[in-house]
C-alpha atoms as a PDB file:
ATOM      1  CA  MET A   1      -7.621 -12.551   6.488  1.00  0.00           C
ATOM      2  CA  ARG A   2      -8.873  -9.779   4.226  1.00  0.00           C
ATOM      3  CA  PHE A   3      -8.650  -9.824   0.446  1.00  0.00           C
ATOM      4  CA  ALA A   4      -7.725  -6.969  -1.869  1.00  0.00           C
ATOM      5  CA  VAL A   5      -6.776  -6.449  -5.487  1.00  0.00           C
ATOM      6  CA  VAL A   6      -3.937  -4.447  -6.977  1.00  0.00           C
ATOM      7  CA  LEU A   7      -5.300  -3.077 -10.229  1.00  0.00           C
ATOM      8  CA  PRO A   8      -2.776  -3.716 -13.031  1.00  0.00           C
ATOM      9  CA  GLY A   9      -3.589  -0.658 -15.101  1.00  0.00           C
ATOM     10  CA  GLY A  10      -6.006   0.479 -17.753  1.00  0.00           C
ATOM     11  CA  THR A  11      -7.570   3.879 -18.191  1.00  0.00           C
ATOM     12  CA  ALA A  12      -8.786   5.895 -15.217  1.00  0.00           C
ATOM     13  CA  GLY A  13     -12.360   4.984 -16.125  1.00  0.00           C
ATOM     14  CA  GLN A  14     -11.557   1.277 -16.336  1.00  0.00           C
ATOM     15  CA  GLN A  15      -9.836   1.326 -12.953  1.00  0.00           C
ATOM     16  CA  LEU A  16     -12.840   3.073 -11.432  1.00  0.00           C
ATOM     17  CA  GLU A  17     -15.240   0.482 -12.822  1.00  0.00           C
ATOM     18  CA  ASP A  18     -12.931  -2.347 -11.735  1.00  0.00           C
ATOM     19  CA  ALA A  19     -12.962  -0.988  -8.182  1.00  0.00           C
ATOM     20  CA  VAL A  20     -16.757  -0.802  -8.141  1.00  0.00           C
ATOM     21  CA  LEU A  21     -16.863  -4.383  -9.433  1.00  0.00           C
ATOM     22  CA  ALA A  22     -14.409  -5.494  -6.740  1.00  0.00           C
ATOM     23  CA  GLU A  23     -16.620  -4.129  -3.976  1.00  0.00           C
ATOM     24  CA  ARG A  24     -19.712  -5.722  -5.506  1.00  0.00           C
ATOM     25  CA  ALA A  25     -17.907  -9.085  -5.770  1.00  0.00           C
ATOM     26  CA  GLY A  26     -16.937  -9.095  -2.088  1.00  0.00           C
ATOM     27  CA  TRP A  27     -13.311  -7.929  -2.075  1.00  0.00           C
ATOM     28  CA  ASP A  28     -12.152  -5.947   0.969  1.00  0.00           C
ATOM     29  CA  GLY A  29      -9.687  -3.529  -0.634  1.00  0.00           C
ATOM     30  CA  VAL A  30      -8.507  -1.931  -3.861  1.00  0.00           C
ATOM     31  CA  PHE A  31      -4.941  -0.751  -4.377  1.00  0.00           C
ATOM     32  CA  VAL A  32      -3.416   1.040  -7.364  1.00  0.00           C
ATOM     33  CA  PRO A  33       0.218   1.581  -8.408  1.00  0.00           C
ATOM     34  CA  GLU A  34       1.633   5.095  -8.102  1.00  0.00           C
ATOM     35  CA  LEU A  35       3.669   6.021 -11.162  1.00  0.00           C
ATOM     36  CA  ALA A  36       5.868   8.993 -11.944  1.00  0.00           C
ATOM     37  CA  TYR A  37       3.746   9.708 -14.999  1.00  0.00           C
ATOM     38  CA  GLY A  38       0.507   8.104 -16.120  1.00  0.00           C
ATOM     39  CA  VAL A  39      -2.923   7.690 -14.587  1.00  0.00           C
ATOM     40  CA  ASP A  40      -2.661   9.537 -11.274  1.00  0.00           C
ATOM     41  CA  ALA A  41      -3.136   7.146  -8.376  1.00  0.00           C
ATOM     42  CA  TRP A  42      -4.674   9.557  -5.886  1.00  0.00           C
ATOM     43  CA  SER A  43      -7.080  11.072  -8.420  1.00  0.00           C
ATOM     44  CA  VAL A  44      -8.338   7.582  -9.244  1.00  0.00           C
ATOM     45  CA  LEU A  45      -8.598   6.681  -5.558  1.00  0.00           C
ATOM     46  CA  ALA A  46     -10.587   9.857  -4.876  1.00  0.00           C
ATOM     47  CA  ALA A  47     -13.037   8.899  -7.619  1.00  0.00           C
ATOM     48  CA  ILE A  48     -13.259   5.351  -6.253  1.00  0.00           C
ATOM     49  CA  ALA A  49     -13.881   6.748  -2.765  1.00  0.00           C
ATOM     50  CA  VAL A  50     -17.104   8.443  -3.808  1.00  0.00           C
ATOM     51  CA  ARG A  51     -18.331   5.447  -5.844  1.00  0.00           C
ATOM     52  CA  THR A  52     -17.795   2.825  -3.139  1.00  0.00           C
ATOM     53  CA  GLU A  53     -18.877   2.377   0.473  1.00  0.00           C
ATOM     54  CA  ARG A  54     -16.821  -0.412   2.019  1.00  0.00           C
ATOM     55  CA  VAL A  55     -13.505  -1.314   0.342  1.00  0.00           C
ATOM     56  CA  ARG A  56     -10.230   0.002   1.763  1.00  0.00           C
ATOM     57  CA  LEU A  57      -8.273   2.172  -0.664  1.00  0.00           C
ATOM     58  CA  GLY A  58      -4.558   2.757  -1.115  1.00  0.00           C
ATOM     59  CA  THR A  59      -1.404   2.655  -3.179  1.00  0.00           C
ATOM     60  CA  MET A  60       0.862  -0.287  -3.806  1.00  0.00           C
ATOM     61  CA  LEU A  61       3.021   1.541  -3.501  1.00  0.00           C
ATOM     62  CA  THR A  62       4.109   5.167  -3.084  1.00  0.00           C
ATOM     63  CA  PRO A  63       7.898   5.692  -3.542  1.00  0.00           C
ATOM     64  CA  LEU A  64       7.983   8.258  -0.754  1.00  0.00           C
ATOM     65  CA  PRO A  65      11.586   9.545  -1.220  1.00  0.00           C
ATOM     66  CA  TRP A  66      10.551  10.671  -4.717  1.00  0.00           C
ATOM     67  CA  ARG A  67       7.454  12.543  -3.532  1.00  0.00           C
ATOM     68  CA  ARG A  68       6.951  15.627  -1.368  1.00  0.00           C
ATOM     69  CA  PRO A  69       5.679  14.235   1.954  1.00  0.00           C
ATOM     70  CA  TRP A  70       3.319  17.171   2.589  1.00  0.00           C
ATOM     71  CA  LYS A  71       1.737  16.596  -0.804  1.00  0.00           C
ATOM     72  CA  VAL A  72       1.326  12.885  -0.098  1.00  0.00           C
ATOM     73  CA  ALA A  73      -0.115  13.707   3.333  1.00  0.00           C
ATOM     74  CA  SER A  74      -2.759  15.961   1.788  1.00  0.00           C
ATOM     75  CA  GLN A  75      -3.632  13.446  -0.937  1.00  0.00           C
ATOM     76  CA  VAL A  76      -4.089  10.586   1.522  1.00  0.00           C
ATOM     77  CA  ALA A  77      -6.069  12.732   3.961  1.00  0.00           C
ATOM     78  CA  THR A  78      -8.360  13.842   1.138  1.00  0.00           C
ATOM     79  CA  VAL A  79      -9.082  10.247   0.096  1.00  0.00           C
ATOM     80  CA  ASP A  80      -9.597   9.336   3.747  1.00  0.00           C
ATOM     81  CA  ARG A  81     -12.154  12.132   4.098  1.00  0.00           C
ATOM     82  CA  LEU A  82     -13.964  11.277   0.881  1.00  0.00           C
ATOM     83  CA  SER A  83     -14.104   7.577   1.760  1.00  0.00           C
ATOM     84  CA  GLY A  84     -15.179   8.015   5.367  1.00  0.00           C
ATOM     85  CA  GLY A  85     -11.903   6.701   6.766  1.00  0.00           C
ATOM     86  CA  ARG A  86     -10.891   3.925   4.367  1.00  0.00           C
ATOM     87  CA  ALA A  87      -7.453   5.087   3.162  1.00  0.00           C
ATOM     88  CA  ILE A  88      -4.217   3.102   3.550  1.00  0.00           C
ATOM     89  CA  LEU A  89      -0.805   4.451   2.542  1.00  0.00           C
ATOM     90  CA  GLY A  90       1.714   1.917   1.246  1.00  0.00           C
ATOM     91  CA  VAL A  91       5.273   3.262   1.023  1.00  0.00           C
ATOM     92  CA  GLY A  92       8.756   2.143   0.058  1.00  0.00           C
ATOM     93  CA  ILE A  93      12.086   3.611  -0.975  1.00  0.00           C
ATOM     94  CA  GLY A  94      11.336   3.285  -4.691  1.00  0.00           C
ATOM     95  CA  ALA A  95      12.888   1.154  -7.400  1.00  0.00           C
ATOM     96  CA  PRO A  96      15.302   2.935  -9.778  1.00  0.00           C
ATOM     97  CA  GLY A  97      14.422   2.169 -13.361  1.00  0.00           C
ATOM     98  CA  LEU A  98      10.673   2.220 -12.762  1.00  0.00           C
ATOM     99  CA  GLU A  99      10.483   6.002 -12.521  1.00  0.00           C
ATOM    100  CA  LEU A 100      11.280   8.505 -15.276  1.00  0.00           C
ATOM    101  CA  SER A 101      14.967   8.193 -16.153  1.00  0.00           C
ATOM    102  CA  GLY A 102      17.117  11.300 -15.986  1.00  0.00           C
ATOM    103  CA  SER A 103      14.725  13.046 -13.592  1.00  0.00           C
ATOM    104  CA  HIS A 104      17.510  13.640 -11.027  1.00  0.00           C
ATOM    105  CA  GLU A 105      15.729  11.832  -8.201  1.00  0.00           C
ATOM    106  CA  GLU A 106      17.872  10.428  -5.399  1.00  0.00           C
ATOM    107  CA  THR A 107      19.061   6.904  -6.208  1.00  0.00           C
ATOM    108  CA  GLY A 108      21.376   6.068  -3.287  1.00  0.00           C
ATOM    109  CA  VAL A 109      19.863   3.372  -1.085  1.00  0.00           C
ATOM    110  CA  ARG A 110      20.979   4.905   2.230  1.00  0.00           C
ATOM    111  CA  GLU A 111      19.795   8.349   1.202  1.00  0.00           C
ATOM    112  CA  ARG A 112      16.412   7.051   0.089  1.00  0.00           C
ATOM    113  CA  ALA A 113      16.049   5.047   3.310  1.00  0.00           C
ATOM    114  CA  ALA A 114      16.750   8.158   5.392  1.00  0.00           C
ATOM    115  CA  MET A 115      14.268  10.160   3.307  1.00  0.00           C
ATOM    116  CA  LEU A 116      11.664   7.434   3.776  1.00  0.00           C
ATOM    117  CA  ASP A 117      12.081   7.505   7.554  1.00  0.00           C
ATOM    118  CA  GLU A 118      11.863  11.266   7.739  1.00  0.00           C
ATOM    119  CA  GLY A 119       9.026  11.415   5.231  1.00  0.00           C
ATOM    120  CA  ILE A 120       6.928   9.087   7.392  1.00  0.00           C
ATOM    121  CA  ASP A 121       7.590  11.376  10.370  1.00  0.00           C
ATOM    122  CA  VAL A 122       6.546  14.450   8.375  1.00  0.00           C
ATOM    123  CA  ILE A 123       3.310  12.840   7.209  1.00  0.00           C
ATOM    124  CA  ARG A 124       2.376  11.708  10.709  1.00  0.00           C
ATOM    125  CA  ALA A 125       3.173  15.153  12.094  1.00  0.00           C
ATOM    126  CA  LEU A 126       1.053  16.934   9.495  1.00  0.00           C
ATOM    127  CA  TRP A 127      -1.907  14.639  10.122  1.00  0.00           C
ATOM    128  CA  ALA A 128      -1.565  15.430  13.828  1.00  0.00           C
ATOM    129  CA  GLY A 129      -1.619  19.182  13.128  1.00  0.00           C
ATOM    130  CA  SER A 130       2.096  20.001  13.372  1.00  0.00           C
ATOM    131  CA  ARG A 131       2.942  23.437  12.022  1.00  0.00           C
ATOM    132  CA  GLY A 132       6.621  22.937  11.346  1.00  0.00           C
ATOM    133  CA  HIS A 133       9.461  20.533  10.730  1.00  0.00           C
ATOM    134  CA  ASP A 134      13.192  21.114  10.479  1.00  0.00           C
ATOM    135  CA  GLY A 135      14.921  17.903   9.445  1.00  0.00           C
ATOM    136  CA  GLN A 136      17.846  16.780   7.349  1.00  0.00           C
ATOM    137  CA  HIS A 137      15.842  16.319   4.164  1.00  0.00           C
ATOM    138  CA  TYR A 138      12.602  18.227   4.748  1.00  0.00           C
ATOM    139  CA  GLN A 139      11.763  21.589   6.259  1.00  0.00           C
ATOM    140  CA  TYR A 140       8.486  23.459   6.351  1.00  0.00           C
ATOM    141  CA  ARG A 141       6.593  26.097   8.273  1.00  0.00           C
ATOM    142  CA  ALA A 142       2.821  26.303   8.009  1.00  0.00           C
ATOM    143  CA  GLY A 143       1.246  29.677   7.414  1.00  0.00           C
ATOM    144  CA  ALA A 144      -1.919  30.847   9.114  1.00  0.00           C
ATOM    145  CA  LEU A 145      -4.206  29.275   6.498  1.00  0.00           C
ATOM    146  CA  ASP A 146      -2.180  26.212   5.527  1.00  0.00           C
ATOM    147  CA  LEU A 147      -3.619  23.621   7.922  1.00  0.00           C
ATOM    148  CA  PRO A 148      -7.412  23.873   7.870  1.00  0.00           C
ATOM    149  CA  GLU A 149      -9.404  21.276   9.776  1.00  0.00           C
ATOM    150  CA  SER A 150     -10.825  20.073   6.461  1.00  0.00           C
ATOM    151  CA  ALA A 151      -7.319  18.902   5.480  1.00  0.00           C
ATOM    152  CA  ARG A 152      -7.059  16.566   8.451  1.00  0.00           C
ATOM    153  CA  PRO A 153      -7.781  12.844   8.023  1.00  0.00           C
ATOM    154  CA  ALA A 154     -11.156  11.386   8.902  1.00  0.00           C
ATOM    155  CA  ARG A 155      -9.435   9.106  11.414  1.00  0.00           C
ATOM    156  CA  GLN A 156      -6.920   9.818  14.124  1.00  0.00           C
ATOM    157  CA  ARG A 157      -4.451   7.371  12.551  1.00  0.00           C
ATOM    158  CA  ILE A 158      -4.388   6.365   8.897  1.00  0.00           C
ATOM    159  CA  PRO A 159      -2.556   3.041   8.505  1.00  0.00           C
ATOM    160  CA  ILE A 160       0.873   3.244   6.888  1.00  0.00           C
ATOM    161  CA  TRP A 161       2.218   0.008   5.445  1.00  0.00           C
ATOM    162  CA  VAL A 162       5.917  -0.029   4.620  1.00  0.00           C
ATOM    163  CA  VAL A 163       8.168  -2.382   2.692  1.00  0.00           C
ATOM    164  CA  GLY A 164      10.267  -4.454   5.066  1.00  0.00           C
ATOM    165  CA  VAL A 165      13.160  -6.576   3.811  1.00  0.00           C
ATOM    166  CA  TRP A 166      13.430  -9.738   5.883  1.00  0.00           C
ATOM    167  CA  PRO A 167      15.679 -10.367   7.749  1.00  0.00           C
ATOM    168  CA  ARG A 168      17.527  -7.014   7.463  1.00  0.00           C
ATOM    169  CA  PRO A 169      17.512  -5.428  10.951  1.00  0.00           C
ATOM    170  CA  THR A 170      17.433  -1.797   9.825  1.00  0.00           C
ATOM    171  CA  SER A 171      14.563  -2.386   7.440  1.00  0.00           C
ATOM    172  CA  MET A 172      12.601  -4.353  10.037  1.00  0.00           C
ATOM    173  CA  ARG A 173      13.090  -1.678  12.695  1.00  0.00           C
ATOM    174  CA  ARG A 174      11.477   0.798  10.288  1.00  0.00           C
ATOM    175  CA  VAL A 175       8.485  -1.528  10.026  1.00  0.00           C
ATOM    176  CA  LEU A 176       7.858  -1.248  13.770  1.00  0.00           C
ATOM    177  CA  ARG A 177       7.232   2.489  13.343  1.00  0.00           C
ATOM    178  CA  CYS A 178       4.326   1.796  10.993  1.00  0.00           C
ATOM    179  CA  ASP A 179       1.052  -0.138  10.999  1.00  0.00           C
ATOM    180  CA  GLY A 180       1.799  -2.924   8.566  1.00  0.00           C
ATOM    181  CA  ILE A 181       4.523  -4.639   6.562  1.00  0.00           C
ATOM    182  CA  ILE A 182       4.786  -5.312   2.844  1.00  0.00           C
ATOM    183  CA  PRO A 183       7.412  -8.052   3.111  1.00  0.00           C
ATOM    184  CA  GLN A 184      10.274  -8.634   0.734  1.00  0.00           C
ATOM    185  CA  TYR A 185      12.063 -11.860   1.550  1.00  0.00           C
ATOM    186  CA  GLN A 186      15.746 -12.544   1.046  1.00  0.00           C
ATOM    187  CA  ALA A 187      15.203 -16.198   0.194  1.00  0.00           C
ATOM    188  CA  GLY A 188      18.054 -16.820  -2.215  1.00  0.00           C
ATOM    189  CA  ASP A 189      17.130 -18.909  -5.241  1.00  0.00           C
ATOM    190  CA  ARG A 190      13.901 -20.328  -3.819  1.00  0.00           C
ATOM    191  CA  GLU A 191      10.413 -18.860  -3.820  1.00  0.00           C
ATOM    192  CA  PRO A 192       9.376 -17.417  -0.438  1.00  0.00           C
ATOM    193  CA  GLY A 193       6.618 -19.307   1.321  1.00  0.00           C
ATOM    194  CA  PRO A 194       4.399 -19.211   4.399  1.00  0.00           C
ATOM    195  CA  ALA A 195       7.282 -20.376   6.603  1.00  0.00           C
ATOM    196  CA  ASP A 196       9.075 -17.117   5.804  1.00  0.00           C
ATOM    197  CA  ALA A 197       5.971 -15.141   6.694  1.00  0.00           C
ATOM    198  CA  ARG A 198       5.685 -17.049   9.972  1.00  0.00           C
ATOM    199  CA  ALA A 199       9.254 -16.070  10.842  1.00  0.00           C
ATOM    200  CA  VAL A 200       8.432 -12.417  10.166  1.00  0.00           C
ATOM    201  CA  ARG A 201       5.273 -12.571  12.293  1.00  0.00           C
ATOM    202  CA  THR A 202       7.224 -14.177  15.141  1.00  0.00           C
ATOM    203  CA  TRP A 203       9.862 -11.429  14.988  1.00  0.00           C
ATOM    204  CA  LEU A 204       7.198  -8.715  14.925  1.00  0.00           C
ATOM    205  CA  THR A 205       5.449 -10.177  17.949  1.00  0.00           C
ATOM    206  CA  GLU A 206       8.707 -10.509  19.865  1.00  0.00           C
ATOM    207  CA  HIS A 207       9.465  -6.859  19.145  1.00  0.00           C
ATOM    208  CA  GLY A 208       6.144  -5.450  20.277  1.00  0.00           C
ATOM    209  CA  ALA A 209       3.879  -5.470  17.227  1.00  0.00           C
ATOM    210  CA  GLY A 210       0.367  -6.259  18.375  1.00  0.00           C
ATOM    211  CA  ALA A 211      -2.216  -8.593  16.893  1.00  0.00           C
ATOM    212  CA  GLY A 212      -3.667  -5.713  14.874  1.00  0.00           C
ATOM    213  CA  PHE A 213      -0.396  -5.177  12.991  1.00  0.00           C
ATOM    214  CA  ASP A 214      -1.005  -5.956   9.301  1.00  0.00           C
ATOM    215  CA  MET A 215       1.149  -8.232   7.179  1.00  0.00           C
ATOM    216  CA  VAL A 216       0.644  -8.605   3.444  1.00  0.00           C
ATOM    217  CA  ALA A 217       0.949 -11.627   1.184  1.00  0.00           C
ATOM    218  CA  ASP A 218       0.432 -11.372  -2.548  1.00  0.00           C
ATOM    219  CA  GLY A 219       0.178 -13.511  -5.624  1.00  0.00           C
ATOM    220  CA  GLU A 220      -2.092 -14.813  -8.362  1.00  0.00           C
ATOM    221  CA  THR A 221      -4.919 -17.254  -7.648  1.00  0.00           C
ATOM    222  CA  PRO A 222      -7.098 -18.959 -10.264  1.00  0.00           C
ATOM    223  CA  ALA A 223     -10.472 -17.460 -11.120  1.00  0.00           C
ATOM    224  CA  ASP A 224     -11.972 -20.784 -12.223  1.00  0.00           C
ATOM    225  CA  ASP A 225     -11.088 -22.959  -9.200  1.00  0.00           C
ATOM    226  CA  PRO A 226     -12.308 -21.420  -5.907  1.00  0.00           C
ATOM    227  CA  ALA A 227     -11.136 -24.372  -3.808  1.00  0.00           C
ATOM    228  CA  ALA A 228      -7.598 -24.185  -5.198  1.00  0.00           C
ATOM    229  CA  ALA A 229      -7.545 -20.432  -4.688  1.00  0.00           C
ATOM    230  CA  ALA A 230      -8.616 -20.830  -1.071  1.00  0.00           C
ATOM    231  CA  ARG A 231      -5.941 -23.487  -0.460  1.00  0.00           C
ATOM    232  CA  GLN A 232      -3.285 -21.221  -1.934  1.00  0.00           C
ATOM    233  CA  VAL A 233      -3.940 -18.420   0.543  1.00  0.00           C
ATOM    234  CA  ALA A 234      -4.707 -20.609   3.580  1.00  0.00           C
ATOM    235  CA  GLY A 235      -1.053 -21.215   4.435  1.00  0.00           C
ATOM    236  CA  TRP A 236      -0.284 -17.509   4.373  1.00  0.00           C
ATOM    237  CA  ALA A 237      -3.229 -16.789   6.659  1.00  0.00           C
ATOM    238  CA  ALA A 238      -2.097 -19.486   9.084  1.00  0.00           C
ATOM    239  CA  ALA A 239       1.391 -17.922   9.088  1.00  0.00           C
ATOM    240  CA  GLY A 240      -0.003 -14.621  10.340  1.00  0.00           C
ATOM    241  CA  CYS A 241      -0.669 -12.635   7.171  1.00  0.00           C
ATOM    242  CA  THR A 242      -3.724 -10.418   7.538  1.00  0.00           C
ATOM    243  CA  TRP A 243      -4.177  -9.354   3.904  1.00  0.00           C
ATOM    244  CA  TRP A 244      -3.978 -11.234   0.617  1.00  0.00           C
ATOM    245  CA  LEU A 245      -3.303  -8.942  -2.362  1.00  0.00           C
ATOM    246  CA  GLU A 246      -4.368 -10.403  -5.683  1.00  0.00           C
ATOM    247  CA  THR A 247      -1.902  -9.188  -8.308  1.00  0.00           C
ATOM    248  CA  ARG A 248      -1.349  -9.506 -12.014  1.00  0.00           C
ATOM    249  CA  TRP A 249       2.150  -8.025 -12.257  1.00  0.00           C
ATOM    250  CA  SER A 250       2.841 -10.254 -15.251  1.00  0.00           C
ATOM    251  CA  ASP A 251      -0.067  -8.581 -17.071  1.00  0.00           C
ATOM    252  CA  ALA A 252       0.511  -5.001 -15.917  1.00  0.00           C
ATOM    253  CA  GLY A 253      -0.902  -2.234 -18.051  1.00  0.00           C
ATOM    254  CA  GLN A 254      -3.732  -2.256 -20.538  1.00  0.00           C
ATOM    255  CA  ALA A 255      -3.172  -5.926 -21.411  1.00  0.00           C
ATOM    256  CA  GLY A 256      -3.903  -6.963 -17.837  1.00  0.00           C
ATOM    257  CA  HIS A 257      -7.351  -5.418 -17.663  1.00  0.00           C
ATOM    258  CA  ASP A 258      -9.427  -8.338 -18.954  1.00  0.00           C
ATOM    259  CA  PRO A 259      -7.698 -11.103 -16.912  1.00  0.00           C
ATOM    260  CA  MET A 260      -7.986  -9.056 -13.733  1.00  0.00           C
ATOM    261  CA  ARG A 261     -11.612  -8.228 -14.415  1.00  0.00           C
ATOM    262  CA  ALA A 262     -12.374 -11.945 -14.703  1.00  0.00           C
ATOM    263  CA  ARG A 263     -10.566 -12.553 -11.422  1.00  0.00           C
ATOM    264  CA  LEU A 264     -12.477  -9.740  -9.728  1.00  0.00           C
ATOM    265  CA  THR A 265     -15.795 -11.144 -10.858  1.00  0.00           C
ATOM    266  CA  ALA A 266     -14.977 -14.552  -9.360  1.00  0.00           C
ATOM    267  CA  GLY A 267     -14.645 -12.998  -5.894  1.00  0.00           C
ATOM    268  CA  PRO A 268     -11.917 -13.293  -3.258  1.00  0.00           C
ATOM    269  CA  PRO A 269     -10.104 -16.592  -2.604  1.00  0.00           C
ATOM    270  CA  ALA A 270     -11.763 -17.133   0.772  1.00  0.00           C
ATOM    271  CA  SER A 271     -12.574 -20.571   2.129  1.00  0.00           C
ATOM    272  CA  GLY A 272     -16.027 -19.504   3.222  1.00  0.00           C
END
């Protein structure tokens, strides 16, 4: 299992320093939220890319139906180039109410799901050098100077992680088109646990996802009790999760900077 942090906020400079600290403390990845307005995620990730050498970098997550896929493709490819091939793109359909209200973005679930599917196709096609797309939601034609080699990713395939709602068949089929799953569990009134993750991993394997297919677990582990932190993530690792994302959603924004910085300094919740 690899260990990453989702930075809860702060200024651009604070997020940059937090990312440098995370790499120094042994974390494997740094993810940042992508907001409609605020500190720009991809600008911060570009700065982090040139100040770090090892950590994977990405968003958690990009609401793709509310972004232009060719713009996202260029932003991710740029970070991938700057970082020497360390970018990860996390995408979902978006959550109404978290974006700017009254901005006339699509809110219908089916429409956003269709835009997500097509947007993933557009991004993959652009990274592969495609010069045109004529779909239901997106159309483009590349001019003679629009696709320079310098705009291509550093790697042949940048990982795309997508939100998958378990056990919804349509949502899970979308997951199989990508490189990793950010699970959302329909668990009723109880808290999801490693048994739910094990069921997802079993389904993925049965439907052709290989051992290298990523699956995310997330939560908050204590900074002052390494053994307890390691125990907390061990069950998720045994269930087939490949990444633990340390979050502080309850402290998002400026107020969450100091608690997350303390957690970063303590290092990842690994057992050794």
